[in-house]
Amino acid sequence: MSDEIDATLLENAMLDLDRLARCCHVSREWIIEHVQCGVLLNDDYMKADPTTWIFDSRSLIRVKRIIRVERDFECHPELAGLVADLIEEVEVLRTKINITEIGNR
């Protein structure tokens, strides 16, 4: 439920490293570690200065999801990122199914 509220309020928001860390109640180092692990942003950002990184609202939701998975399952960032990938893929597939069902009515 909280993810929905965040998405509504920050739909078009662009967040820098410090703001994303504050919104998610994690340290800058936590964000940097997860970008370096490849579970946040893409490879282009990994070599860039972290002060230049910009995150969209989807990243905010993804960070919160990864935090929850790491906490609940006491797992490594890579595994939490994989779980987040799978959850996002299921959401995309459910959206496609719903669109198809609406189109078939």
PDB file of N, CA and C in Angstrom:
ATOM      1  N   MET A   1       0.813  -1.181   0.000  1.00  0.00           N
ATOM      2  CA  MET A   1       0.000   0.000   0.000  1.00  0.00           C
ATOM      3  C   MET A   1       0.863   1.254   0.000  1.00  0.00           C
ATOM      4  N   SER A   2       1.927   1.255   0.792  1.00  0.00           N
ATOM      5  CA  SER A   2       2.770   2.451   0.848  1.00  0.00           C
ATOM      6  C   SER A   2       3.446   2.714  -0.489  1.00  0.00           C
ATOM      7  N   ASP A   3       3.746   1.658  -1.260  1.00  0.00           N
ATOM      8  CA  ASP A   3       4.339   1.842  -2.576  1.00  0.00           C
ATOM      9  C   ASP A   3       3.396   2.618  -3.487  1.00  0.00           C
ATOM     10  N   GLU A   4       2.096   2.357  -3.387  1.00  0.00           N
ATOM     11  CA  GLU A   4       1.123   3.055  -4.215  1.00  0.00           C
ATOM     12  C   GLU A   4       1.089   4.536  -3.871  1.00  0.00           C
ATOM     13  N   ILE A   5       1.157   4.849  -2.604  1.00  0.00           N
ATOM     14  CA  ILE A   5       1.145   6.246  -2.170  1.00  0.00           C
ATOM     15  C   ILE A   5       2.392   6.951  -2.681  1.00  0.00           C
ATOM     16  N   ASP A   6       3.537   6.326  -2.546  1.00  0.00           N
ATOM     17  CA  ASP A   6       4.776   6.925  -3.032  1.00  0.00           C
ATOM     18  C   ASP A   6       4.709   7.166  -4.526  1.00  0.00           C
ATOM     19  N   ALA A   7       4.185   6.194  -5.273  1.00  0.00           N
ATOM     20  CA  ALA A   7       4.119   6.310  -6.724  1.00  0.00           C
ATOM     21  C   ALA A   7       3.202   7.449  -7.134  1.00  0.00           C
ATOM     22  N   THR A   8       2.137   7.640  -6.402  1.00  0.00           N
ATOM     23  CA  THR A   8       1.204   8.712  -6.730  1.00  0.00           C
ATOM     24  C   THR A   8       1.821  10.065  -6.439  1.00  0.00           C
ATOM     25  N   LEU A   9       2.444  10.193  -5.304  1.00  0.00           N
ATOM     26  CA  LEU A   9       2.995  11.473  -4.901  1.00  0.00           C
ATOM     27  C   LEU A   9       4.236  11.850  -5.700  1.00  0.00           C
ATOM     28  N   LEU A  10       5.006  10.865  -6.121  1.00  0.00           N
ATOM     29  CA  LEU A  10       6.281  11.129  -6.774  1.00  0.00           C
ATOM     30  C   LEU A  10       6.295  10.635  -8.215  1.00  0.00           C
ATOM     31  N   GLU A  11       5.145  10.599  -8.852  1.00  0.00           N
ATOM     32  CA  GLU A  11       5.041   9.993 -10.178  1.00  0.00           C
ATOM     33  C   GLU A  11       6.114  10.493 -11.147  1.00  0.00           C
ATOM     34  N   ASN A  12       6.330  11.766 -11.200  1.00  0.00           N
ATOM     35  CA  ASN A  12       7.306  12.320 -12.133  1.00  0.00           C
ATOM     36  C   ASN A  12       8.555  12.840 -11.441  1.00  0.00           C
ATOM     37  N   ALA A  13       8.732  12.447 -10.212  1.00  0.00           N
ATOM     38  CA  ALA A  13       9.859  12.971  -9.440  1.00  0.00           C
ATOM     39  C   ALA A  13      11.182  12.382  -9.907  1.00  0.00           C
ATOM     40  N   MET A  14      12.191  13.204  -9.875  1.00  0.00           N
ATOM     41  CA  MET A  14      13.557  12.752 -10.123  1.00  0.00           C
ATOM     42  C   MET A  14      14.330  13.026  -8.838  1.00  0.00           C
ATOM     43  N   LEU A  15      15.010  12.017  -8.347  1.00  0.00           N
ATOM     44  CA  LEU A  15      15.664  12.111  -7.048  1.00  0.00           C
ATOM     45  C   LEU A  15      17.171  11.963  -7.203  1.00  0.00           C
ATOM     46  N   ASP A  16      17.913  12.788  -6.480  1.00  0.00           N
ATOM     47  CA  ASP A  16      19.357  12.574  -6.449  1.00  0.00           C
ATOM     48  C   ASP A  16      19.677  11.542  -5.360  1.00  0.00           C
ATOM     49  N   LEU A  17      20.921  11.208  -5.242  1.00  0.00           N
ATOM     50  CA  LEU A  17      21.348  10.164  -4.299  1.00  0.00           C
ATOM     51  C   LEU A  17      20.911  10.468  -2.871  1.00  0.00           C
ATOM     52  N   ASP A  18      21.144  11.682  -2.408  1.00  0.00           N
ATOM     53  CA  ASP A  18      20.809  12.031  -1.023  1.00  0.00           C
ATOM     54  C   ASP A  18      19.308  11.986  -0.767  1.00  0.00           C
ATOM     55  N   ARG A  19      18.535  12.490  -1.718  1.00  0.00           N
ATOM     56  CA  ARG A  19      17.082  12.502  -1.528  1.00  0.00           C
ATOM     57  C   ARG A  19      16.510  11.090  -1.544  1.00  0.00           C
ATOM     58  N   LEU A  20      17.010  10.256  -2.446  1.00  0.00           N
ATOM     59  CA  LEU A  20      16.540   8.864  -2.480  1.00  0.00           C
ATOM     60  C   LEU A  20      16.875   8.165  -1.166  1.00  0.00           C
ATOM     61  N   ALA A  21      18.080   8.386  -0.665  1.00  0.00           N
ATOM     62  CA  ALA A  21      18.476   7.765   0.602  1.00  0.00           C
ATOM     63  C   ALA A  21      17.565   8.230   1.738  1.00  0.00           C
ATOM     64  N   ARG A  22      17.268   9.527   1.781  1.00  0.00           N
ATOM     65  CA  ARG A  22      16.380  10.051   2.834  1.00  0.00           C
ATOM     66  C   ARG A  22      14.975   9.476   2.709  1.00  0.00           C
ATOM     67  N   CYS A  23      14.448   9.421   1.501  1.00  0.00           N
ATOM     68  CA  CYS A  23      13.088   8.901   1.289  1.00  0.00           C
ATOM     69  C   CYS A  23      12.968   7.440   1.701  1.00  0.00           C
ATOM     70  N   CYS A  24      14.049   6.697   1.555  1.00  0.00           N
ATOM     71  CA  CYS A  24      14.011   5.256   1.832  1.00  0.00           C
ATOM     72  C   CYS A  24      14.609   4.910   3.194  1.00  0.00           C
ATOM     73  N   HIS A  25      15.055   5.917   3.929  1.00  0.00           N
ATOM     74  CA  HIS A  25      15.629   5.704   5.263  1.00  0.00           C
ATOM     75  C   HIS A  25      16.825   4.748   5.232  1.00  0.00           C
ATOM     76  N   VAL A  26      17.674   4.946   4.250  1.00  0.00           N
ATOM     77  CA  VAL A  26      18.927   4.197   4.163  1.00  0.00           C
ATOM     78  C   VAL A  26      20.063   5.199   3.980  1.00  0.00           C
ATOM     79  N   SER A  27      21.277   4.732   4.114  1.00  0.00           N
ATOM     80  CA  SER A  27      22.436   5.608   3.948  1.00  0.00           C
ATOM     81  C   SER A  27      22.787   5.763   2.464  1.00  0.00           C
ATOM     82  N   ARG A  28      23.549   6.806   2.178  1.00  0.00           N
ATOM     83  CA  ARG A  28      24.068   6.989   0.820  1.00  0.00           C
ATOM     84  C   ARG A  28      24.879   5.766   0.405  1.00  0.00           C
ATOM     85  N   GLU A  29      25.637   5.235   1.365  1.00  0.00           N
ATOM     86  CA  GLU A  29      26.495   4.086   1.094  1.00  0.00           C
ATOM     87  C   GLU A  29      25.673   2.861   0.693  1.00  0.00           C
ATOM     88  N   TRP A  30      24.489   2.718   1.311  1.00  0.00           N
ATOM     89  CA  TRP A  30      23.610   1.598   0.957  1.00  0.00           C
ATOM     90  C   TRP A  30      23.217   1.706  -0.519  1.00  0.00           C
ATOM     91  N   ILE A  31      22.817   2.913  -0.939  1.00  0.00           N
ATOM     92  CA  ILE A  31      22.424   3.121  -2.340  1.00  0.00           C
ATOM     93  C   ILE A  31      23.617   2.849  -3.265  1.00  0.00           C
ATOM     94  N   ILE A  32      24.772   3.411  -2.924  1.00  0.00           N
ATOM     95  CA  ILE A  32      25.967   3.236  -3.762  1.00  0.00           C
ATOM     96  C   ILE A  32      26.315   1.748  -3.894  1.00  0.00           C
ATOM     97  N   GLU A  33      26.270   1.022  -2.783  1.00  0.00           N
ATOM     98  CA  GLU A  33      26.569  -0.415  -2.817  1.00  0.00           C
ATOM     99  C   GLU A  33      25.630  -1.155  -3.764  1.00  0.00           C
ATOM    100  N   HIS A  34      24.348  -0.795  -3.727  1.00  0.00           N
ATOM    101  CA  HIS A  34      23.373  -1.496  -4.563  1.00  0.00           C
ATOM    102  C   HIS A  34      23.486  -1.104  -6.028  1.00  0.00           C
ATOM    103  N   VAL A  35      23.897   0.116  -6.306  1.00  0.00           N
ATOM    104  CA  VAL A  35      24.167   0.489  -7.702  1.00  0.00           C
ATOM    105  C   VAL A  35      25.392  -0.285  -8.190  1.00  0.00           C
ATOM    106  N   GLN A  36      26.415  -0.369  -7.371  1.00  0.00           N
ATOM    107  CA  GLN A  36      27.635  -1.083  -7.755  1.00  0.00           C
ATOM    108  C   GLN A  36      27.400  -2.584  -7.918  1.00  0.00           C
ATOM    109  N   CYS A  37      26.412  -3.121  -7.194  1.00  0.00           N
ATOM    110  CA  CYS A  37      26.050  -4.544  -7.345  1.00  0.00           C
ATOM    111  C   CYS A  37      25.230  -4.775  -8.613  1.00  0.00           C
ATOM    112  N   GLY A  38      24.738  -3.692  -9.216  1.00  0.00           N
ATOM    113  CA  GLY A  38      23.951  -3.823 -10.432  1.00  0.00           C
ATOM    114  C   GLY A  38      22.470  -4.025 -10.209  1.00  0.00           C
ATOM    115  N   VAL A  39      21.978  -3.795  -8.992  1.00  0.00           N
ATOM    116  CA  VAL A  39      20.549  -3.990  -8.737  1.00  0.00           C
ATOM    117  C   VAL A  39      19.763  -2.688  -8.834  1.00  0.00           C
ATOM    118  N   LEU A  40      20.456  -1.559  -8.957  1.00  0.00           N
ATOM    119  CA  LEU A  40      19.822  -0.255  -9.153  1.00  0.00           C
ATOM    120  C   LEU A  40      20.517   0.436 -10.319  1.00  0.00           C
ATOM    121  N   LEU A  41      19.764   1.230 -11.052  1.00  0.00           N
ATOM    122  CA  LEU A  41      20.261   1.951 -12.226  1.00  0.00           C
ATOM    123  C   LEU A  41      20.794   0.953 -13.258  1.00  0.00           C
ATOM    124  N   ASN A  42      21.581   1.411 -14.204  1.00  0.00           N
ATOM    125  CA  ASN A  42      22.142   0.501 -15.200  1.00  0.00           C
ATOM    126  C   ASN A  42      23.666   0.649 -15.242  1.00  0.00           C
ATOM    127  N   ASP A  43      24.292  -0.114 -16.101  1.00  0.00           N
ATOM    128  CA  ASP A  43      25.752  -0.147 -16.143  1.00  0.00           C
ATOM    129  C   ASP A  43      26.375   1.206 -16.459  1.00  0.00           C
ATOM    130  N   ASP A  44      25.667   2.049 -17.192  1.00  0.00           N
ATOM    131  CA  ASP A  44      26.217   3.357 -17.558  1.00  0.00           C
ATOM    132  C   ASP A  44      26.516   4.208 -16.331  1.00  0.00           C
ATOM    133  N   TYR A  45      25.721   4.028 -15.297  1.00  0.00           N
ATOM    134  CA  TYR A  45      25.894   4.847 -14.101  1.00  0.00           C
ATOM    135  C   TYR A  45      27.015   4.353 -13.188  1.00  0.00           C
ATOM    136  N   MET A  46      27.381   3.093 -13.320  1.00  0.00           N
ATOM    137  CA  MET A  46      28.320   2.514 -12.369  1.00  0.00           C
ATOM    138  C   MET A  46      29.663   3.236 -12.361  1.00  0.00           C
ATOM    139  N   LYS A  47      30.092   3.778 -13.496  1.00  0.00           N
ATOM    140  CA  LYS A  47      31.377   4.461 -13.558  1.00  0.00           C
ATOM    141  C   LYS A  47      31.243   5.954 -13.281  1.00  0.00           C
ATOM    142  N   ALA A  48      30.020   6.457 -13.269  1.00  0.00           N
ATOM    143  CA  ALA A  48      29.810   7.888 -13.062  1.00  0.00           C
ATOM    144  C   ALA A  48      29.936   8.251 -11.592  1.00  0.00           C
ATOM    145  N   ASP A  49      30.175   9.522 -11.352  1.00  0.00           N
ATOM    146  CA  ASP A  49      30.248  10.047  -9.987  1.00  0.00           C
ATOM    147  C   ASP A  49      28.876   9.913  -9.330  1.00  0.00           C
ATOM    148  N   PRO A  50      28.776   9.309  -8.149  1.00  0.00           N
ATOM    149  CA  PRO A  50      27.467   9.135  -7.494  1.00  0.00           C
ATOM    150  C   PRO A  50      26.705  10.442  -7.295  1.00  0.00           C
ATOM    151  N   THR A  51      27.389  11.556  -7.221  1.00  0.00           N
ATOM    152  CA  THR A  51      26.671  12.831  -7.040  1.00  0.00           C
ATOM    153  C   THR A  51      25.904  13.224  -8.295  1.00  0.00           C
ATOM    154  N   THR A  52      26.173  12.561  -9.425  1.00  0.00           N
ATOM    155  CA  THR A  52      25.457  12.865 -10.679  1.00  0.00           C
ATOM    156  C   THR A  52      24.303  11.898 -10.936  1.00  0.00           C
ATOM    157  N   TRP A  53      24.163  10.883 -10.115  1.00  0.00           N
ATOM    158  CA  TRP A  53      23.108   9.895 -10.333  1.00  0.00           C
ATOM    159  C   TRP A  53      21.737  10.528 -10.109  1.00  0.00           C
ATOM    160  N   ILE A  54      20.800  10.202 -10.979  1.00  0.00           N
ATOM    161  CA  ILE A  54      19.417  10.646 -10.851  1.00  0.00           C
ATOM    162  C   ILE A  54      18.516   9.413 -10.917  1.00  0.00           C
ATOM    163  N   PHE A  55      17.619   9.321  -9.956  1.00  0.00           N
ATOM    164  CA  PHE A  55      16.708   8.178  -9.852  1.00  0.00           C
ATOM    165  C   PHE A  55      15.283   8.646 -10.096  1.00  0.00           C
ATOM    166  N   ASP A  56      14.489   7.825 -10.792  1.00  0.00           N
ATOM    167  CA  ASP A  56      13.079   8.159 -10.994  1.00  0.00           C
ATOM    168  C   ASP A  56      12.236   7.505  -9.897  1.00  0.00           C
ATOM    169  N   SER A  57      10.936   7.734  -9.966  1.00  0.00           N
ATOM    170  CA  SER A  57      10.051   7.216  -8.926  1.00  0.00           C
ATOM    171  C   SER A  57      10.014   5.685  -8.915  1.00  0.00           C
ATOM    172  N   ARG A  58      10.258   5.061 -10.058  1.00  0.00           N
ATOM    173  CA  ARG A  58      10.313   3.592 -10.079  1.00  0.00           C
ATOM    174  C   ARG A  58      11.490   3.092  -9.248  1.00  0.00           C
ATOM    175  N   SER A  59      12.581   3.840  -9.245  1.00  0.00           N
ATOM    176  CA  SER A  59      13.734   3.461  -8.429  1.00  0.00           C
ATOM    177  C   SER A  59      13.393   3.530  -6.946  1.00  0.00           C
ATOM    178  N   LEU A  60      12.593   4.533  -6.580  1.00  0.00           N
ATOM    179  CA  LEU A  60      12.163   4.649  -5.186  1.00  0.00           C
ATOM    180  C   LEU A  60      11.386   3.409  -4.762  1.00  0.00           C
ATOM    181  N   ILE A  61      10.453   2.986  -5.587  1.00  0.00           N
ATOM    182  CA  ILE A  61       9.667   1.787  -5.279  1.00  0.00           C
ATOM    183  C   ILE A  61      10.571   0.565  -5.249  1.00  0.00           C
ATOM    184  N   ARG A  62      11.505   0.485  -6.190  1.00  0.00           N
ATOM    185  CA  ARG A  62      12.419  -0.665  -6.249  1.00  0.00           C
ATOM    186  C   ARG A  62      13.305  -0.723  -5.009  1.00  0.00           C
ATOM    187  N   VAL A  63      13.811   0.419  -4.572  1.00  0.00           N
ATOM    188  CA  VAL A  63      14.653   0.444  -3.371  1.00  0.00           C
ATOM    189  C   VAL A  63      13.859  -0.042  -2.164  1.00  0.00           C
ATOM    190  N   LYS A  64      12.628   0.454  -2.021  1.00  0.00           N
ATOM    191  CA  LYS A  64      11.813   0.016  -0.882  1.00  0.00           C
ATOM    192  C   LYS A  64      11.540  -1.481  -0.945  1.00  0.00           C
ATOM    193  N   ARG A  65      11.318  -1.991  -2.146  1.00  0.00           N
ATOM    194  CA  ARG A  65      11.076  -3.426  -2.319  1.00  0.00           C
ATOM    195  C   ARG A  65      12.328  -4.222  -1.938  1.00  0.00           C
ATOM    196  N   ILE A  66      13.487  -3.767  -2.383  1.00  0.00           N
ATOM    197  CA  ILE A  66      14.743  -4.467  -2.078  1.00  0.00           C
ATOM    198  C   ILE A  66      15.020  -4.436  -0.573  1.00  0.00           C
ATOM    199  N   ILE A  67      14.773  -3.297   0.044  1.00  0.00           N
ATOM    200  CA  ILE A  67      14.955  -3.200   1.500  1.00  0.00           C
ATOM    201  C   ILE A  67      14.093  -4.239   2.201  1.00  0.00           C
ATOM    202  N   ARG A  68      12.838  -4.335   1.794  1.00  0.00           N
ATOM    203  CA  ARG A  68      11.894  -5.274   2.411  1.00  0.00           C
ATOM    204  C   ARG A  68      12.360  -6.719   2.211  1.00  0.00           C
ATOM    205  N   VAL A  69      12.796  -7.057   1.012  1.00  0.00           N
ATOM    206  CA  VAL A  69      13.242  -8.431   0.724  1.00  0.00           C
ATOM    207  C   VAL A  69      14.498  -8.756   1.531  1.00  0.00           C
ATOM    208  N   GLU A  70      15.451  -7.823   1.566  1.00  0.00           N
ATOM    209  CA  GLU A  70      16.682  -8.071   2.334  1.00  0.00           C
ATOM    210  C   GLU A  70      16.369  -8.260   3.817  1.00  0.00           C
ATOM    211  N   ARG A  71      15.454  -7.448   4.323  1.00  0.00           N
ATOM    212  CA  ARG A  71      15.089  -7.538   5.742  1.00  0.00           C
ATOM    213  C   ARG A  71      14.342  -8.834   6.035  1.00  0.00           C
ATOM    214  N   ASP A  72      13.346  -9.160   5.222  1.00  0.00           N
ATOM    215  CA  ASP A  72      12.503 -10.318   5.502  1.00  0.00           C
ATOM    216  C   ASP A  72      13.225 -11.641   5.315  1.00  0.00           C
ATOM    217  N   PHE A  73      14.147 -11.688   4.345  1.00  0.00           N
ATOM    218  CA  PHE A  73      14.808 -12.957   4.043  1.00  0.00           C
ATOM    219  C   PHE A  73      16.293 -12.959   4.371  1.00  0.00           C
ATOM    220  N   GLU A  74      16.757 -11.853   4.951  1.00  0.00           N
ATOM    221  CA  GLU A  74      18.170 -11.736   5.334  1.00  0.00           C
ATOM    222  C   GLU A  74      19.070 -12.200   4.193  1.00  0.00           C
ATOM    223  N   CYS A  75      18.873 -11.612   3.023  1.00  0.00           N
ATOM    224  CA  CYS A  75      19.622 -12.051   1.851  1.00  0.00           C
ATOM    225  C   CYS A  75      20.556 -10.957   1.334  1.00  0.00           C
ATOM    226  N   HIS A  76      21.371 -11.330   0.380  1.00  0.00           N
ATOM    227  CA  HIS A  76      22.325 -10.421  -0.242  1.00  0.00           C
ATOM    228  C   HIS A  76      21.613  -9.501  -1.224  1.00  0.00           C
ATOM    229  N   PRO A  77      22.231  -8.365  -1.558  1.00  0.00           N
ATOM    230  CA  PRO A  77      21.616  -7.434  -2.500  1.00  0.00           C
ATOM    231  C   PRO A  77      21.300  -8.059  -3.853  1.00  0.00           C
ATOM    232  N   GLU A  78      22.166  -8.935  -4.338  1.00  0.00           N
ATOM    233  CA  GLU A  78      21.926  -9.533  -5.646  1.00  0.00           C
ATOM    234  C   GLU A  78      20.642 -10.368  -5.657  1.00  0.00           C
ATOM    235  N   LEU A  79      20.421 -11.140  -4.602  1.00  0.00           N
ATOM    236  CA  LEU A  79      19.210 -11.952  -4.519  1.00  0.00           C
ATOM    237  C   LEU A  79      17.979 -11.057  -4.374  1.00  0.00           C
ATOM    238  N   ALA A  80      18.081 -10.025  -3.556  1.00  0.00           N
ATOM    239  CA  ALA A  80      16.958  -9.091  -3.402  1.00  0.00           C
ATOM    240  C   ALA A  80      16.652  -8.407  -4.736  1.00  0.00           C
ATOM    241  N   GLY A  81      17.684  -8.074  -5.502  1.00  0.00           N
ATOM    242  CA  GLY A  81      17.473  -7.474  -6.820  1.00  0.00           C
ATOM    243  C   GLY A  81      16.782  -8.440  -7.766  1.00  0.00           C
ATOM    244  N   LEU A  82      17.155  -9.718  -7.705  1.00  0.00           N
ATOM    245  CA  LEU A  82      16.504 -10.725  -8.546  1.00  0.00           C
ATOM    246  C   LEU A  82      15.030 -10.860  -8.178  1.00  0.00           C
ATOM    247  N   VAL A  83      14.732 -10.873  -6.893  1.00  0.00           N
ATOM    248  CA  VAL A  83      13.333 -10.955  -6.451  1.00  0.00           C
ATOM    249  C   VAL A  83      12.564  -9.724  -6.933  1.00  0.00           C
ATOM    250  N   ALA A  84      13.190  -8.552  -6.813  1.00  0.00           N
ATOM    251  CA  ALA A  84      12.538  -7.318  -7.290  1.00  0.00           C
ATOM    252  C   ALA A  84      12.281  -7.406  -8.793  1.00  0.00           C
ATOM    253  N   ASP A  85      13.238  -7.941  -9.553  1.00  0.00           N
ATOM    254  CA  ASP A  85      13.046  -8.124 -10.999  1.00  0.00           C
ATOM    255  C   ASP A  85      11.831  -8.999 -11.277  1.00  0.00           C
ATOM    256  N   LEU A  86      11.720 -10.093 -10.542  1.00  0.00           N
ATOM    257  CA  LEU A  86      10.609 -11.024 -10.749  1.00  0.00           C
ATOM    258  C   LEU A  86       9.268 -10.387 -10.386  1.00  0.00           C
ATOM    259  N   ILE A  87       9.234  -9.645  -9.294  1.00  0.00           N
ATOM    260  CA  ILE A  87       7.993  -8.962  -8.892  1.00  0.00           C
ATOM    261  C   ILE A  87       7.585  -7.954  -9.967  1.00  0.00           C
ATOM    262  N   GLU A  88       8.556  -7.204 -10.493  1.00  0.00           N
ATOM    263  CA  GLU A  88       8.253  -6.218 -11.535  1.00  0.00           C
ATOM    264  C   GLU A  88       7.755  -6.901 -12.808  1.00  0.00           C
ATOM    265  N   GLU A  89       8.354  -8.045 -13.138  1.00  0.00           N
ATOM    266  CA  GLU A  89       7.918  -8.777 -14.324  1.00  0.00           C
ATOM    267  C   GLU A  89       6.490  -9.301 -14.151  1.00  0.00           C
ATOM    268  N   VAL A  90       6.168  -9.803 -12.971  1.00  0.00           N
ATOM    269  CA  VAL A  90       4.800 -10.268 -12.699  1.00  0.00           C
ATOM    270  C   VAL A  90       3.815  -9.101 -12.831  1.00  0.00           C
ATOM    271  N   GLU A  91       4.197  -7.928 -12.333  1.00  0.00           N
ATOM    272  CA  GLU A  91       3.320  -6.751 -12.447  1.00  0.00           C
ATOM    273  C   GLU A  91       3.070  -6.396 -13.918  1.00  0.00           C
ATOM    274  N   VAL A  92       4.115  -6.447 -14.729  1.00  0.00           N
ATOM    275  CA  VAL A  92       3.970  -6.147 -16.156  1.00  0.00           C
ATOM    276  C   VAL A  92       3.037  -7.161 -16.821  1.00  0.00           C
ATOM    277  N   LEU A  93       3.230  -8.437 -16.518  1.00  0.00           N
ATOM    278  CA  LEU A  93       2.392  -9.485 -17.107  1.00  0.00           C
ATOM    279  C   LEU A  93       0.938  -9.353 -16.660  1.00  0.00           C
ATOM    280  N   ARG A  94       0.716  -9.035 -15.388  1.00  0.00           N
ATOM    281  CA  ARG A  94      -0.665  -8.851 -14.904  1.00  0.00           C
ATOM    282  C   ARG A  94      -1.327  -7.668 -15.601  1.00  0.00           C
ATOM    283  N   THR A  95      -0.570  -6.609 -15.821  1.00  0.00           N
ATOM    284  CA  THR A  95      -1.119  -5.450 -16.534  1.00  0.00           C
ATOM    285  C   THR A  95      -1.511  -5.836 -17.951  1.00  0.00           C
ATOM    286  N   LYS A  96      -0.658  -6.610 -18.614  1.00  0.00           N
ATOM    287  CA  LYS A  96      -0.973  -7.047 -19.979  1.00  0.00           C
ATOM    288  C   LYS A  96      -2.216  -7.929 -20.006  1.00  0.00           C
ATOM    289  N   ILE A  97      -2.342  -8.811 -19.035  1.00  0.00           N
ATOM    290  CA  ILE A  97      -3.532  -9.675 -18.950  1.00  0.00           C
ATOM    291  C   ILE A  97      -4.777  -8.824 -18.748  1.00  0.00           C
ATOM    292  N   ASN A  98      -4.701  -7.867 -17.847  1.00  0.00           N
ATOM    293  CA  ASN A  98      -5.867  -6.998 -17.593  1.00  0.00           C
ATOM    294  C   ASN A  98      -6.250  -6.215 -18.833  1.00  0.00           C
ATOM    295  N   ILE A  99      -5.272  -5.709 -19.565  1.00  0.00           N
ATOM    296  CA  ILE A  99      -5.562  -4.964 -20.798  1.00  0.00           C
ATOM    297  C   ILE A  99      -6.207  -5.884 -21.824  1.00  0.00           C
ATOM    298  N   THR A 100      -5.701  -7.100 -21.934  1.00  0.00           N
ATOM    299  CA  THR A 100      -6.273  -8.070 -22.873  1.00  0.00           C
ATOM    300  C   THR A 100      -7.704  -8.412 -22.494  1.00  0.00           C
ATOM    301  N   GLU A 101      -7.945  -8.630 -21.196  1.00  0.00           N
ATOM    302  CA  GLU A 101      -9.299  -8.962 -20.745  1.00  0.00           C
ATOM    303  C   GLU A 101     -10.264  -7.812 -21.002  1.00  0.00           C
ATOM    304  N   ILE A 102      -9.825  -6.587 -20.785  1.00  0.00           N
ATOM    305  CA  ILE A 102     -10.682  -5.420 -21.049  1.00  0.00           C
ATOM    306  C   ILE A 102     -10.965  -5.322 -22.548  1.00  0.00           C
ATOM    307  N   GLY A 103      -9.948  -5.600 -23.369  1.00  0.00           N
ATOM    308  CA  GLY A 103     -10.123  -5.548 -24.815  1.00  0.00           C
ATOM    309  C   GLY A 103     -11.051  -6.626 -25.359  1.00  0.00           C
ATOM    310  N   ASN A 104     -11.169  -7.744 -24.646  1.00  0.00           N
ATOM    311  CA  ASN A 104     -12.021  -8.853 -25.088  1.00  0.00           C
ATOM    312  C   ASN A 104     -13.469  -8.717 -24.637  1.00  0.00           C
ATOM    313  N   ARG A 105     -13.776  -7.691 -23.871  1.00  0.00           N
ATOM    314  CA  ARG A 105     -15.163  -7.532 -23.389  1.00  0.00           C
ATOM    315  C   ARG A 105     -16.033  -6.899 -24.439  1.00  0.00           C
TER     316      ARG A 105
END
